[in-house]
Amino acid sequence: NAVQSLTRLYEALHKENWFVSGGEPTNYASLAEKHFCFCITWTIGAALDEDGRRKMDVAVRDIEQHYPPTHTIYDYFVELKKLDFELWESTLTVWRPRKVDPFYKIIVPN
């Protein structure tokens, strides 16, 4: 079941047309590896508890050197514009509720 999830996620993320820039393939092998690492993290390693995730982080980093050295492997996704790993935090925007709205009317955007 985990292997099926891995292959389905990889197939969904890894589209051949994403690697073409001006008719020429761009960093195909490197991006394929990064997508594979991301898929392993979020299929095989997704159900682990905090201690298991620490162990998985160490094990994956012993095998694969693509991940940045800071944070854990769970803190990154593959940014297609940069063709590299990026922190999930980079996708967050700053949002503050208006002071005039009462608490019960505040809706936090996603």
C-alpha atoms as a PDB file:
ATOM      1  CA  ASN A   1       0.000   0.000   0.000  1.00  0.00           C
ATOM      2  CA  ALA A   2       2.798   2.459   0.873  1.00  0.00           C
ATOM      3  CA  VAL A   3       4.593   1.622  -2.374  1.00  0.00           C
ATOM      4  CA  GLN A   4       1.424   2.227  -4.376  1.00  0.00           C
ATOM      5  CA  SER A   5       0.991   5.588  -2.650  1.00  0.00           C
ATOM      6  CA  LEU A   6       4.631   6.416  -3.384  1.00  0.00           C
ATOM      7  CA  THR A   7       4.328   5.651  -7.086  1.00  0.00           C
ATOM      8  CA  ARG A   8       1.014   7.500  -7.432  1.00  0.00           C
ATOM      9  CA  LEU A   9       2.344  10.620  -5.726  1.00  0.00           C
ATOM     10  CA  TYR A  10       5.534  10.493  -7.799  1.00  0.00           C
ATOM     11  CA  GLU A  11       3.529  10.103 -10.994  1.00  0.00           C
ATOM     12  CA  ALA A  12       1.338  13.074 -10.048  1.00  0.00           C
ATOM     13  CA  LEU A  13       4.295  15.339  -9.216  1.00  0.00           C
ATOM     14  CA  HIS A  14       6.803  14.304 -11.833  1.00  0.00           C
ATOM     15  CA  LYS A  15       5.418  15.498 -15.158  1.00  0.00           C
ATOM     16  CA  GLU A  16       7.768  15.369 -18.125  1.00  0.00           C
ATOM     17  CA  ASN A  17       6.678  18.732 -19.577  1.00  0.00           C
ATOM     18  CA  TRP A  18       7.880  20.515 -16.404  1.00  0.00           C
ATOM     19  CA  PHE A  19      11.477  19.851 -17.415  1.00  0.00           C
ATOM     20  CA  VAL A  20      11.457  21.565 -20.769  1.00  0.00           C
ATOM     21  CA  SER A  21      12.772  25.088 -21.112  1.00  0.00           C
ATOM     22  CA  GLY A  22      12.839  26.449 -24.655  1.00  0.00           C
ATOM     23  CA  GLY A  23      12.561  22.929 -26.081  1.00  0.00           C
ATOM     24  CA  GLU A  24      15.524  21.578 -24.079  1.00  0.00           C
ATOM     25  CA  PRO A  25      15.338  19.298 -21.000  1.00  0.00           C
ATOM     26  CA  THR A  26      16.360  21.117 -17.815  1.00  0.00           C
ATOM     27  CA  ASN A  27      17.869  19.333 -14.770  1.00  0.00           C
ATOM     28  CA  TYR A  28      15.725  16.241 -15.292  1.00  0.00           C
ATOM     29  CA  ALA A  29      17.763  13.795 -13.194  1.00  0.00           C
ATOM     30  CA  SER A  30      18.231  16.173 -10.274  1.00  0.00           C
ATOM     31  CA  LEU A  31      14.554  17.117 -10.134  1.00  0.00           C
ATOM     32  CA  ALA A  32      13.479  13.476 -10.505  1.00  0.00           C
ATOM     33  CA  GLU A  33      15.598  12.593  -7.452  1.00  0.00           C
ATOM     34  CA  LYS A  34      14.154  15.468  -5.426  1.00  0.00           C
ATOM     35  CA  HIS A  35      10.598  14.459  -6.302  1.00  0.00           C
ATOM     36  CA  PHE A  36      11.387  10.859  -5.327  1.00  0.00           C
ATOM     37  CA  CYS A  37      12.819  11.962  -1.948  1.00  0.00           C
ATOM     38  CA  PHE A  38       9.774  14.156  -1.309  1.00  0.00           C
ATOM     39  CA  CYS A  39       7.452  11.245  -2.162  1.00  0.00           C
ATOM     40  CA  ILE A  40       9.285   8.848   0.163  1.00  0.00           C
ATOM     41  CA  THR A  41       9.046  11.423   2.943  1.00  0.00           C
ATOM     42  CA  TRP A  42       5.288  11.910   2.566  1.00  0.00           C
ATOM     43  CA  THR A  43       4.229   8.323   1.824  1.00  0.00           C
ATOM     44  CA  ILE A  44       6.487   5.971   3.750  1.00  0.00           C
ATOM     45  CA  GLY A  45       7.414   8.493   6.440  1.00  0.00           C
ATOM     46  CA  ALA A  46       4.108  10.307   6.827  1.00  0.00           C
ATOM     47  CA  ALA A  47       2.616   7.995   9.458  1.00  0.00           C
ATOM     48  CA  LEU A  48       5.626   8.158  11.792  1.00  0.00           C
ATOM     49  CA  ASP A  49       5.474   9.790  15.211  1.00  0.00           C
ATOM     50  CA  GLU A  50       7.907  12.542  16.240  1.00  0.00           C
ATOM     51  CA  ASP A  51      10.655  10.122  17.311  1.00  0.00           C
ATOM     52  CA  GLY A  52      10.224   8.081  14.127  1.00  0.00           C
ATOM     53  CA  ARG A  53      10.417  11.225  12.009  1.00  0.00           C
ATOM     54  CA  ARG A  54      13.727  12.176  13.644  1.00  0.00           C
ATOM     55  CA  LYS A  55      15.102   8.726  12.838  1.00  0.00           C
ATOM     56  CA  MET A  56      13.757   8.907   9.266  1.00  0.00           C
ATOM     57  CA  ASP A  57      15.334  12.339   8.824  1.00  0.00           C
ATOM     58  CA  VAL A  58      18.745  10.988   9.865  1.00  0.00           C
ATOM     59  CA  ALA A  59      18.391   7.852   7.721  1.00  0.00           C
ATOM     60  CA  VAL A  60      17.339   9.738   4.573  1.00  0.00           C
ATOM     61  CA  ARG A  61      20.111  12.309   4.994  1.00  0.00           C
ATOM     62  CA  ASP A  62      22.678   9.494   5.313  1.00  0.00           C
ATOM     63  CA  ILE A  63      21.580   8.223   1.897  1.00  0.00           C
ATOM     64  CA  GLU A  64      20.553  11.400   0.081  1.00  0.00           C
ATOM     65  CA  GLN A  65      22.400  14.719   0.087  1.00  0.00           C
ATOM     66  CA  HIS A  66      19.852  16.844  -1.803  1.00  0.00           C
ATOM     67  CA  TYR A  67      18.091  18.201   1.286  1.00  0.00           C
ATOM     68  CA  PRO A  68      19.355  21.475   2.786  1.00  0.00           C
ATOM     69  CA  PRO A  69      21.212  20.945   6.091  1.00  0.00           C
ATOM     70  CA  THR A  70      18.810  22.932   8.286  1.00  0.00           C
ATOM     71  CA  HIS A  71      15.355  21.816   9.501  1.00  0.00           C
ATOM     72  CA  THR A  72      14.023  18.297   8.835  1.00  0.00           C
ATOM     73  CA  ILE A  73      13.120  16.620   5.561  1.00  0.00           C
ATOM     74  CA  TYR A  74       9.485  17.165   6.509  1.00  0.00           C
ATOM     75  CA  ASP A  75       9.942  20.951   6.364  1.00  0.00           C
ATOM     76  CA  TYR A  76      10.647  21.068   2.609  1.00  0.00           C
ATOM     77  CA  PHE A  77       8.818  20.761  -0.695  1.00  0.00           C
ATOM     78  CA  VAL A  78      10.130  20.867  -4.272  1.00  0.00           C
ATOM     79  CA  GLU A  79       9.799  24.383  -5.695  1.00  0.00           C
ATOM     80  CA  LEU A  80       9.528  24.002  -9.465  1.00  0.00           C
ATOM     81  CA  LYS A  81      10.503  27.581 -10.274  1.00  0.00           C
ATOM     82  CA  LYS A  82      13.799  27.180  -8.405  1.00  0.00           C
ATOM     83  CA  LEU A  83      14.161  23.441  -9.171  1.00  0.00           C
ATOM     84  CA  ASP A  84      15.167  22.933  -5.554  1.00  0.00           C
ATOM     85  CA  PHE A  85      13.835  22.305  -2.062  1.00  0.00           C
ATOM     86  CA  GLU A  86      12.090  25.209  -0.351  1.00  0.00           C
ATOM     87  CA  LEU A  87      10.701  25.535   3.171  1.00  0.00           C
ATOM     88  CA  TRP A  88       6.934  25.139   3.523  1.00  0.00           C
ATOM     89  CA  GLU A  89       7.064  28.297   5.661  1.00  0.00           C
ATOM     90  CA  SER A  90       7.942  30.310   2.547  1.00  0.00           C
ATOM     91  CA  THR A  91       4.383  29.777   1.269  1.00  0.00           C
ATOM     92  CA  LEU A  92       2.793  31.431   4.307  1.00  0.00           C
ATOM     93  CA  THR A  93       1.514  34.965   4.197  1.00  0.00           C
ATOM     94  CA  VAL A  94       1.110  37.362   7.084  1.00  0.00           C
ATOM     95  CA  TRP A  95      -2.489  37.874   8.075  1.00  0.00           C
ATOM     96  CA  ARG A  96      -3.870  39.992  10.850  1.00  0.00           C
ATOM     97  CA  PRO A  97      -7.560  40.396  11.726  1.00  0.00           C
ATOM     98  CA  ARG A  98      -9.074  43.842  11.548  1.00  0.00           C
ATOM     99  CA  LYS A  99      -9.365  45.369  15.009  1.00  0.00           C
ATOM    100  CA  VAL A 100     -12.928  46.447  14.385  1.00  0.00           C
ATOM    101  CA  ASP A 101     -14.231  42.894  13.826  1.00  0.00           C
ATOM    102  CA  PRO A 102     -15.607  41.064  16.865  1.00  0.00           C
ATOM    103  CA  PHE A 103     -13.926  37.735  17.582  1.00  0.00           C
ATOM    104  CA  TYR A 104     -16.895  35.602  16.552  1.00  0.00           C
ATOM    105  CA  LYS A 105     -16.898  37.150  13.035  1.00  0.00           C
ATOM    106  CA  ILE A 106     -13.225  36.539  12.276  1.00  0.00           C
ATOM    107  CA  ILE A 107     -12.602  34.100   9.434  1.00  0.00           C
ATOM    108  CA  VAL A 108      -8.974  33.112   8.902  1.00  0.00           C
ATOM    109  CA  PRO A 109      -8.128  32.664   5.184  1.00  0.00           C
ATOM    110  CA  ASN A 110      -6.265  29.551   4.103  1.00  0.00           C
END
